[in-house]
């Protein structure tokens, strides 16, 4: 019996698999380029998804915070991780 579940999976800190969804968004090309450059300069090439995920989580999970506040929290966490790696 096949008990597999379709989709991509990632492992979070508590080591439980979480199902992820690959999606497409439409942005103006110039906005995407500016966003990409800024994220790469500030956080590295693999962080664009993290930024969008932080925005989505803020929108859904933190009704008392604005998206800006949640993104600022994420930025602070990333800066802390950078300092810890040095």
N, C-alpha and C. Protein backbone atom coordinates (compact mmCIF):
# COMPACT_ATOMS: atom_id res chain seq x y z
N UNK A 1 0.84 -1.17 0.00
CA UNK A 1 0.00 0.00 0.00
C UNK A 1 0.88 1.23 0.00
N UNK A 2 0.59 2.18 -0.90
CA UNK A 2 1.36 3.42 -0.99
C UNK A 2 0.80 4.42 0.01
N UNK A 3 1.62 4.81 1.00
CA UNK A 3 1.18 5.78 2.01
C UNK A 3 1.87 7.12 1.83
N UNK A 4 2.46 7.34 0.67
CA UNK A 4 3.18 8.60 0.45
C UNK A 4 2.20 9.75 0.28
N UNK A 5 2.67 10.92 0.65
CA UNK A 5 1.89 12.15 0.50
C UNK A 5 2.65 13.01 -0.49
N UNK A 6 1.98 13.56 -1.47
CA UNK A 6 2.65 14.39 -2.47
C UNK A 6 3.11 15.70 -1.88
N UNK A 7 4.00 16.39 -2.57
CA UNK A 7 4.47 17.71 -2.15
C UNK A 7 5.89 17.67 -1.64
N UNK A 8 6.43 18.86 -1.43
CA UNK A 8 7.78 18.99 -0.90
C UNK A 8 7.70 19.07 0.61
N UNK A 9 8.72 18.56 1.28
CA UNK A 9 8.75 18.63 2.73
C UNK A 9 10.05 19.28 3.18
N UNK A 10 9.97 19.98 4.30
CA UNK A 10 11.17 20.56 4.90
C UNK A 10 11.17 20.18 6.37
N UNK A 11 12.32 20.30 7.01
CA UNK A 11 12.43 19.97 8.41
C UNK A 11 12.61 21.25 9.19
N UNK A 12 11.80 21.44 10.20
CA UNK A 12 11.90 22.61 11.05
C UNK A 12 12.68 22.26 12.30
N UNK A 13 12.92 23.24 13.15
CA UNK A 13 13.78 23.05 14.31
C UNK A 13 13.38 21.87 15.17
N UNK A 14 12.09 21.60 15.36
CA UNK A 14 11.69 20.49 16.21
C UNK A 14 11.76 19.15 15.47
N UNK A 15 12.28 19.17 14.26
CA UNK A 15 12.54 18.00 13.44
C UNK A 15 11.26 17.30 12.96
N UNK A 16 10.12 17.95 13.03
CA UNK A 16 8.90 17.40 12.47
C UNK A 16 8.77 17.87 11.03
N UNK A 17 8.44 16.97 10.10
CA UNK A 17 8.30 17.41 8.70
C UNK A 17 7.07 18.29 8.54
N UNK A 18 7.22 19.33 7.74
CA UNK A 18 6.10 20.20 7.43
C UNK A 18 5.95 20.26 5.92
N UNK A 19 4.74 20.20 5.47
CA UNK A 19 4.49 20.23 4.03
C UNK A 19 4.60 21.67 3.54
N UNK A 20 5.28 21.87 2.44
CA UNK A 20 5.41 23.19 1.84
C UNK A 20 4.74 23.19 0.48
N UNK A 21 4.42 24.38 0.01
CA UNK A 21 3.78 24.54 -1.29
C UNK A 21 4.64 25.48 -2.12
N UNK A 22 4.94 25.07 -3.33
CA UNK A 22 5.65 25.94 -4.25
C UNK A 22 4.60 26.77 -4.97
N UNK A 23 4.81 28.08 -5.00
CA UNK A 23 3.80 28.96 -5.57
C UNK A 23 4.45 29.96 -6.51
N UNK A 24 3.63 30.66 -7.23
CA UNK A 24 4.11 31.69 -8.15
C UNK A 24 3.41 32.99 -7.80
N UNK A 25 4.17 34.07 -7.81
CA UNK A 25 3.59 35.39 -7.63
C UNK A 25 3.97 36.25 -8.82
N UNK A 26 3.16 37.22 -9.11
CA UNK A 26 3.45 38.13 -10.21
C UNK A 26 3.80 39.49 -9.63
N UNK A 27 5.00 39.95 -9.93
CA UNK A 27 5.48 41.27 -9.52
C UNK A 27 6.03 41.97 -10.74
N UNK A 28 6.02 43.28 -10.68
CA UNK A 28 6.67 44.03 -11.75
C UNK A 28 8.15 43.65 -11.76
N UNK A 29 8.71 43.52 -12.94
CA UNK A 29 10.09 43.06 -13.09
C UNK A 29 11.08 43.93 -12.32
N UNK A 30 10.92 45.21 -12.41
CA UNK A 30 11.87 46.12 -11.73
C UNK A 30 11.77 45.97 -10.21
N UNK A 31 10.56 45.80 -9.68
CA UNK A 31 10.38 45.59 -8.25
C UNK A 31 11.07 44.29 -7.82
N UNK A 32 10.89 43.22 -8.59
CA UNK A 32 11.52 41.94 -8.26
C UNK A 32 13.05 42.06 -8.26
N UNK A 33 13.58 42.75 -9.24
CA UNK A 33 15.04 42.93 -9.31
C UNK A 33 15.55 43.68 -8.08
N UNK A 34 14.87 44.78 -7.72
CA UNK A 34 15.29 45.57 -6.55
C UNK A 34 15.18 44.74 -5.27
N UNK A 35 14.08 44.02 -5.14
CA UNK A 35 13.88 43.15 -3.98
C UNK A 35 14.97 42.10 -3.90
N UNK A 36 15.24 41.44 -5.01
CA UNK A 36 16.25 40.38 -5.05
C UNK A 36 17.62 40.91 -4.66
N UNK A 37 18.01 42.04 -5.23
CA UNK A 37 19.32 42.62 -4.93
C UNK A 37 19.42 42.96 -3.44
N UNK A 38 18.38 43.59 -2.92
CA UNK A 38 18.41 43.99 -1.51
C UNK A 38 18.49 42.78 -0.58
N UNK A 39 17.70 41.75 -0.83
CA UNK A 39 17.74 40.56 0.01
C UNK A 39 19.10 39.88 -0.08
N UNK A 40 19.62 39.74 -1.29
CA UNK A 40 20.92 39.09 -1.47
C UNK A 40 22.02 39.88 -0.76
N UNK A 41 22.01 41.19 -0.90
CA UNK A 41 23.04 42.02 -0.24
C UNK A 41 22.95 41.92 1.27
N UNK A 42 21.74 41.93 1.79
CA UNK A 42 21.54 41.96 3.24
C UNK A 42 21.63 40.59 3.90
N UNK A 43 21.08 39.55 3.23
CA UNK A 43 20.91 38.26 3.91
C UNK A 43 21.46 37.06 3.16
N UNK A 44 21.83 37.23 1.91
CA UNK A 44 22.35 36.11 1.15
C UNK A 44 21.34 35.62 0.12
N UNK A 45 21.81 34.82 -0.80
CA UNK A 45 21.02 34.42 -1.96
C UNK A 45 19.86 33.49 -1.69
N UNK A 46 19.82 32.85 -0.56
CA UNK A 46 18.76 31.88 -0.29
C UNK A 46 17.72 32.39 0.70
N UNK A 47 17.56 33.68 0.80
CA UNK A 47 16.68 34.23 1.83
C UNK A 47 15.39 34.85 1.29
N UNK A 48 15.21 34.91 -0.02
CA UNK A 48 14.00 35.55 -0.55
C UNK A 48 12.75 34.81 -0.08
N UNK A 49 12.77 33.50 -0.10
CA UNK A 49 11.63 32.74 0.38
C UNK A 49 11.37 33.02 1.85
N UNK A 50 12.44 33.13 2.64
CA UNK A 50 12.28 33.41 4.07
C UNK A 50 11.58 34.74 4.30
N UNK A 51 11.91 35.74 3.50
CA UNK A 51 11.28 37.05 3.64
C UNK A 51 9.78 36.94 3.34
N UNK A 52 9.42 36.28 2.25
CA UNK A 52 8.01 36.12 1.93
C UNK A 52 7.29 35.28 2.98
N UNK A 53 7.95 34.25 3.49
CA UNK A 53 7.35 33.42 4.53
C UNK A 53 7.10 34.24 5.80
N UNK A 54 8.05 35.09 6.16
CA UNK A 54 7.88 35.95 7.34
C UNK A 54 6.69 36.88 7.16
N UNK A 55 6.53 37.43 5.97
CA UNK A 55 5.38 38.29 5.70
C UNK A 55 4.06 37.53 5.79
N UNK A 56 4.03 36.34 5.22
CA UNK A 56 2.80 35.53 5.25
C UNK A 56 2.46 35.13 6.67
N UNK A 57 3.46 34.70 7.44
CA UNK A 57 3.22 34.32 8.83
C UNK A 57 2.71 35.51 9.64
N UNK A 58 3.28 36.68 9.41
CA UNK A 58 2.83 37.87 10.12
C UNK A 58 1.38 38.18 9.78
N UNK A 59 1.04 38.05 8.53
CA UNK A 59 -0.32 38.36 8.08
C UNK A 59 -1.33 37.40 8.72
N UNK A 60 -0.95 36.13 8.84
CA UNK A 60 -1.87 35.11 9.33
C UNK A 60 -1.84 34.96 10.85
N UNK A 61 -0.65 34.97 11.43
CA UNK A 61 -0.49 34.55 12.83
C UNK A 61 -0.36 35.65 13.86
N UNK A 62 -0.15 36.86 13.46
CA UNK A 62 0.07 37.92 14.45
C UNK A 62 -0.90 39.07 14.21
N UNK A 63 -2.15 38.89 14.62
CA UNK A 63 -3.15 39.92 14.35
C UNK A 63 -2.86 41.24 15.07
N UNK A 64 -2.07 41.19 16.12
CA UNK A 64 -1.76 42.42 16.86
C UNK A 64 -0.51 43.13 16.33
N UNK A 65 0.14 42.53 15.35
CA UNK A 65 1.33 43.13 14.75
C UNK A 65 1.03 43.48 13.30
N UNK A 66 1.65 44.54 12.86
CA UNK A 66 1.56 44.85 11.43
C UNK A 66 2.57 43.97 10.70
N UNK A 67 2.41 43.89 9.42
CA UNK A 67 3.38 43.13 8.62
C UNK A 67 4.75 43.76 8.77
N UNK A 68 4.80 45.08 8.84
CA UNK A 68 6.08 45.77 9.02
C UNK A 68 6.74 45.34 10.32
N UNK A 69 5.98 45.29 11.41
CA UNK A 69 6.54 44.88 12.70
C UNK A 69 7.06 43.45 12.65
N UNK A 70 6.30 42.56 12.03
CA UNK A 70 6.73 41.17 11.93
C UNK A 70 7.99 41.04 11.08
N UNK A 71 8.06 41.80 10.00
CA UNK A 71 9.25 41.76 9.16
C UNK A 71 10.45 42.32 9.92
N UNK A 72 10.24 43.36 10.69
CA UNK A 72 11.33 43.91 11.51
C UNK A 72 11.80 42.86 12.52
N UNK A 73 10.89 42.08 13.09
CA UNK A 73 11.28 41.00 14.00
C UNK A 73 12.16 40.00 13.26
N UNK A 74 11.76 39.63 12.04
CA UNK A 74 12.54 38.68 11.25
C UNK A 74 13.92 39.24 10.95
N UNK A 75 13.99 40.52 10.60
CA UNK A 75 15.28 41.16 10.30
C UNK A 75 16.18 41.11 11.53
N UNK A 76 15.62 41.42 12.70
CA UNK A 76 16.42 41.35 13.94
C UNK A 76 16.95 39.95 14.18
N UNK A 77 16.12 38.94 13.94
CA UNK A 77 16.56 37.55 14.12
C UNK A 77 17.68 37.20 13.15
N UNK A 78 17.56 37.64 11.90
CA UNK A 78 18.61 37.38 10.91
C UNK A 78 19.91 38.07 11.29
N UNK A 79 19.83 39.30 11.76
CA UNK A 79 21.04 40.02 12.18
C UNK A 79 21.70 39.32 13.36
N UNK A 80 20.90 38.80 14.28
CA UNK A 80 21.44 38.05 15.41
C UNK A 80 22.15 36.79 14.93
N UNK A 81 21.54 36.07 13.98
CA UNK A 81 22.16 34.86 13.43
C UNK A 81 23.49 35.19 12.75
N UNK A 82 23.52 36.32 12.02
CA UNK A 82 24.77 36.75 11.36
C UNK A 82 25.87 36.97 12.38
N UNK A 83 25.54 37.68 13.45
CA UNK A 83 26.54 37.97 14.49
C UNK A 83 27.03 36.68 15.15
N UNK A 84 26.13 35.75 15.37
CA UNK A 84 26.49 34.47 16.02
C UNK A 84 27.41 33.63 15.14
N UNK A 85 27.27 33.74 13.82
CA UNK A 85 28.12 32.97 12.89
C UNK A 85 29.55 33.49 12.82
N UNK A 86 29.74 34.76 13.18
CA UNK A 86 31.08 35.37 13.07
C UNK A 86 31.98 34.92 14.17
